[in-house]
Amino acid sequence: MTTPALPHQPLALQPDRSLLVPIDMQEEHRADPRYLVADYDRVLERSARLLRAARRHGAGVLHAGYLRDFTRVPPRPFEPVLPCGTPAFSAPGSALTDFCAEVAPEAGETVVLKNDLSCFTDEGFREAVTGTAPEWVVICGVWTEACVAATCRDAVAAGYRVLLVKDACGSGSRHMHETGIINLANRLYGGAVCDTDTACRLLAGETAPVWRLQGAAPLRFDGHTITEVYDGL
């Protein structure tokens, strides 16, 4: 069973009141067999386009990466660690935690390395967002159902409108990503979902059509209709 996507609505952003947040765009997602992101090169290319648009038109940029640093946040109950006691993923000192060259921070752009899924768990990130005072937080990155989802939900809870750029996010498979986006869209109160082309237009100050949530959980799907519903966003 599926519910048809709601009609798109026009949206306009003020670039100087918008903040682009690329999440966890690091080498481990294309080099570590455990954490490969499907179509990661496309996610990187689209995220790079968003960065160029944000930089060109005066939107803020705040890069977030994952660095599991036990000196800052000790191991949590049940957290996997290697036999030697070091982090099982995103370990300090590993080249796999480097930002991918396609989306690397430029001089003057703020970078936050977090220890948990949501960017908002990091005090430095929260301070950077507060200092920018955006109306809209534009989100891309990986993994859709993990760090992207947790950050979107915390952004909404903190009173920011989220523009989720669906095709500039990624996960371990296409269906993992698509279901993650749909589930976020169903509860993206005050926010919107669009593709990269549309987001670039919005960051340039244009008005463009986006999908916006009306009511509660309007998007329903089963295994045969995931892509249909996703494409309708």
Protein backbone atom coordinates (compact mmCIF):
# COMPACT_ATOMS: atom_id res chain seq x y z
CA MET A 1 0.00 0.00 0.00
CA THR A 2 1.22 3.50 -0.81
CA THR A 3 -0.05 7.01 -0.34
CA PRO A 4 0.60 9.39 -3.26
CA ALA A 5 3.16 12.08 -2.54
CA LEU A 6 1.69 15.46 -1.71
CA PRO A 7 2.08 18.24 -4.28
CA HIS A 8 5.27 20.24 -4.13
CA GLN A 9 5.18 23.80 -2.83
CA PRO A 10 7.30 26.83 -3.72
CA LEU A 11 10.05 27.73 -1.25
CA ALA A 12 12.56 30.57 -1.07
CA LEU A 13 15.57 30.70 1.26
CA GLN A 14 17.69 33.64 2.29
CA PRO A 15 21.26 32.46 1.62
CA ASP A 16 22.65 34.51 4.51
CA ARG A 17 20.20 32.78 6.86
CA SER A 18 20.96 29.29 5.57
CA LEU A 19 23.61 26.85 6.80
CA LEU A 20 24.88 23.90 4.76
CA VAL A 21 25.96 20.92 6.88
CA PRO A 22 27.72 18.06 5.06
CA ILE A 23 27.82 15.10 7.46
CA ASP A 24 30.60 12.49 7.69
CA MET A 25 31.88 12.85 4.13
CA GLN A 26 34.99 10.81 4.96
CA GLU A 27 37.21 8.31 3.18
CA GLU A 28 36.11 5.30 5.23
CA HIS A 29 32.82 5.22 3.35
CA ARG A 30 34.55 4.37 0.09
CA ALA A 31 37.65 2.56 1.41
CA ASP A 32 36.61 0.49 4.45
CA PRO A 33 34.68 -2.63 3.31
CA ARG A 34 32.59 -2.50 6.50
CA TYR A 35 31.25 0.99 5.85
CA LEU A 36 30.94 1.37 2.10
CA VAL A 37 28.17 3.74 0.97
CA ALA A 38 26.29 2.82 -2.19
CA ASP A 39 26.92 5.28 -5.05
CA TYR A 40 29.19 7.29 -2.76
CA ASP A 41 30.92 9.01 -5.67
CA ARG A 42 27.56 10.45 -6.74
CA VAL A 43 26.81 11.58 -3.19
CA LEU A 44 30.19 13.32 -3.08
CA GLU A 45 29.68 14.98 -6.47
CA ARG A 46 26.28 16.31 -5.46
CA SER A 47 27.53 17.48 -2.07
CA ALA A 48 30.39 19.27 -3.81
CA ARG A 49 27.83 21.10 -5.95
CA LEU A 50 25.97 22.18 -2.82
CA LEU A 51 29.21 23.46 -1.32
CA ARG A 52 29.99 25.49 -4.42
CA ALA A 53 26.51 27.00 -4.36
CA ALA A 54 26.69 27.84 -0.65
CA ARG A 55 30.12 29.44 -0.99
CA ARG A 56 29.17 31.39 -4.10
CA HIS A 57 25.99 32.86 -2.65
CA GLY A 58 26.99 33.57 0.94
CA ALA A 59 25.36 30.71 2.85
CA GLY A 60 27.17 29.36 5.88
CA VAL A 61 29.07 26.08 5.76
CA LEU A 62 29.68 23.83 8.76
CA HIS A 63 31.47 20.53 8.15
CA ALA A 64 30.81 17.61 10.51
CA GLY A 65 32.89 14.46 10.69
CA TYR A 66 32.92 11.33 12.86
CA LEU A 67 35.99 10.75 15.03
CA ARG A 68 35.52 8.22 17.82
CA ASP A 69 37.91 9.67 20.38
CA PHE A 70 37.87 7.80 23.68
CA THR A 71 39.89 10.59 25.34
CA ARG A 72 36.88 12.88 24.84
CA VAL A 73 34.02 10.40 25.24
CA PRO A 74 34.91 7.05 26.89
CA PRO A 75 33.53 3.80 25.44
CA ARG A 76 29.81 3.45 26.02
CA PRO A 77 28.11 0.29 27.32
CA PHE A 78 28.10 -2.39 24.60
CA GLU A 79 30.11 -0.24 22.17
CA PRO A 80 32.29 -2.42 19.92
CA VAL A 81 36.04 -2.01 20.38
CA LEU A 82 39.05 -3.79 18.94
CA PRO A 83 40.90 -6.39 21.06
CA CYS A 84 43.51 -3.77 21.90
CA GLY A 85 40.80 -1.49 23.31
CA THR A 86 40.80 1.10 20.52
CA PRO A 87 37.69 2.24 18.59
CA ALA A 88 36.30 -0.25 16.08
CA PHE A 89 35.56 2.55 13.59
CA SER A 90 36.44 6.18 12.88
CA ALA A 91 39.57 5.91 14.98
CA PRO A 92 41.87 8.90 15.57
CA GLY A 93 45.02 8.79 13.48
CA SER A 94 43.46 6.79 10.66
CA ALA A 95 43.58 8.23 7.14
CA LEU A 96 40.10 6.76 6.66
CA THR A 97 38.68 9.56 8.80
CA ASP A 98 40.03 12.25 6.44
CA PHE A 99 37.42 14.29 4.60
CA CYS A 100 37.13 13.31 0.95
CA ALA A 101 38.97 15.72 -1.32
CA GLU A 102 35.82 16.49 -3.32
CA VAL A 103 34.15 18.06 -0.28
CA ALA A 104 37.15 19.11 1.81
CA PRO A 105 36.73 22.18 4.03
CA GLU A 106 38.16 25.43 2.75
CA ALA A 107 40.07 27.96 4.80
CA GLY A 108 37.81 29.75 7.25
CA GLU A 109 35.09 27.09 7.29
CA THR A 110 34.24 25.54 10.64
CA VAL A 111 34.90 21.83 11.15
CA VAL A 112 33.47 19.78 14.00
CA LEU A 113 34.51 16.19 14.77
CA LYS A 114 31.76 14.50 16.73
CA ASN A 115 31.69 11.32 18.82
CA ASP A 116 28.09 10.29 18.26
CA LEU A 117 25.42 10.08 15.57
CA SER A 118 23.85 13.50 15.88
CA CYS A 119 25.98 16.55 15.20
CA PHE A 120 24.06 18.26 18.00
CA THR A 121 25.68 15.99 20.60
CA ASP A 122 28.86 18.03 20.12
CA GLU A 123 29.05 21.29 22.07
CA GLY A 124 31.23 22.90 19.41
CA PHE A 125 28.65 22.13 16.75
CA ARG A 126 25.81 23.57 18.80
CA GLU A 127 27.82 26.73 19.45
CA ALA A 128 28.68 27.10 15.77
CA VAL A 129 25.04 26.77 14.72
CA THR A 130 23.91 29.22 17.39
CA GLY A 131 26.55 31.69 16.25
CA THR A 132 25.35 31.42 12.66
CA ALA A 133 21.68 31.77 13.68
CA PRO A 134 20.24 30.16 10.53
CA GLU A 135 16.57 29.81 9.71
CA TRP A 136 17.25 26.81 7.47
CA VAL A 137 19.82 24.04 7.94
CA VAL A 138 20.56 22.32 4.63
CA ILE A 139 21.69 18.74 5.24
CA CYS A 140 23.53 16.22 3.09
CA GLY A 141 25.86 13.33 3.92
CA VAL A 142 25.95 9.78 5.26
CA TRP A 143 24.53 7.48 6.57
CA THR A 144 20.96 8.48 5.87
CA GLU A 145 19.28 6.47 8.63
CA ALA A 146 22.03 7.08 11.20
CA CYS A 147 23.97 10.36 11.50
CA VAL A 148 21.85 12.23 8.96
CA ALA A 149 18.60 11.15 10.61
CA ALA A 150 19.77 11.89 14.15
CA THR A 151 21.01 15.34 13.14
CA CYS A 152 17.78 16.19 11.30
CA ARG A 153 15.66 15.26 14.29
CA ASP A 154 17.82 17.24 16.72
CA ALA A 155 17.84 20.24 14.39
CA VAL A 156 14.04 20.27 14.32
CA ALA A 157 13.92 19.87 18.10
CA ALA A 158 16.26 22.86 18.43
CA GLY A 159 13.92 25.02 16.35
CA TYR A 160 15.62 25.00 12.95
CA ARG A 161 13.94 24.27 9.65
CA VAL A 162 15.67 21.42 7.80
CA LEU A 163 16.09 21.19 4.04
CA LEU A 164 16.99 17.54 3.45
CA VAL A 165 18.75 17.06 0.11
CA LYS A 166 17.70 13.52 -0.65
CA ASP A 167 20.06 12.61 -3.49
CA ALA A 168 23.10 14.10 -1.73
CA CYS A 169 22.73 11.57 1.11
CA GLY A 170 23.63 7.89 1.10
CA SER A 171 23.64 4.63 3.00
CA GLY A 172 24.76 1.03 2.65
CA SER A 173 22.26 0.28 -0.13
CA ARG A 174 19.73 2.14 -2.26
CA HIS A 175 16.75 0.83 -0.32
CA MET A 176 18.36 1.58 3.04
CA HIS A 177 18.83 5.15 1.85
CA GLU A 178 15.38 5.54 0.31
CA THR A 179 13.53 4.19 3.34
CA GLY A 180 15.65 6.41 5.57
CA ILE A 181 14.67 9.51 3.59
CA ILE A 182 10.97 8.56 3.55
CA ASN A 183 10.91 7.93 7.29
CA LEU A 184 12.58 11.29 7.92
CA ALA A 185 10.20 13.07 5.54
CA ASN A 186 7.22 11.70 7.45
CA ARG A 187 8.31 13.63 10.56
CA LEU A 188 10.23 16.57 9.14
CA TYR A 189 8.06 19.17 10.83
CA GLY A 190 8.65 22.65 9.46
CA GLY A 191 11.14 21.37 6.90
CA ALA A 192 11.36 20.27 3.28
CA VAL A 193 12.84 17.62 1.00
CA CYS A 194 14.34 18.26 -2.43
CA ASP A 195 17.07 17.13 -4.82
CA THR A 196 20.48 18.71 -5.42
CA ASP A 197 19.43 20.76 -8.44
CA THR A 198 16.62 22.34 -6.45
CA ALA A 199 18.78 22.92 -3.37
CA CYS A 200 21.39 24.73 -5.46
CA ARG A 201 18.69 27.03 -6.83
CA LEU A 202 17.43 27.72 -3.33
CA LEU A 203 20.94 28.47 -2.06
CA ALA A 204 21.23 30.96 -4.92
CA GLY A 205 18.18 32.81 -3.61
CA GLU A 206 15.72 31.50 -6.19
CA THR A 207 12.24 30.18 -5.51
CA ALA A 208 11.81 26.49 -6.32
CA PRO A 209 9.30 23.68 -5.62
CA VAL A 210 9.97 21.33 -2.71
CA TRP A 211 8.12 18.58 -0.89
CA ARG A 212 6.87 19.73 2.53
CA LEU A 213 5.22 17.70 5.24
CA GLN A 214 1.50 18.21 5.80
CA GLY A 215 -0.18 16.39 8.64
CA ALA A 216 1.49 13.38 10.26
CA ALA A 217 3.17 10.47 8.44
CA PRO A 218 1.41 10.83 5.06
CA LEU A 219 3.91 8.64 3.19
CA ARG A 220 3.26 4.90 3.38
CA PHE A 221 5.09 2.23 1.44
CA ASP A 222 5.88 -1.45 1.21
CA GLY A 223 8.75 -3.34 -0.32
CA HIS A 224 7.44 -2.86 -3.84
CA THR A 225 6.79 0.88 -3.65
CA ILE A 226 9.84 2.27 -1.81
CA THR A 227 11.41 3.83 -4.88
CA GLU A 228 8.07 5.17 -6.17
CA VAL A 229 7.42 7.04 -2.94
CA TYR A 230 11.03 8.23 -2.71
CA ASP A 231 10.96 9.57 -6.26
CA GLY A 232 7.80 11.52 -5.44
CA LEU A 233 9.59 13.59 -2.83
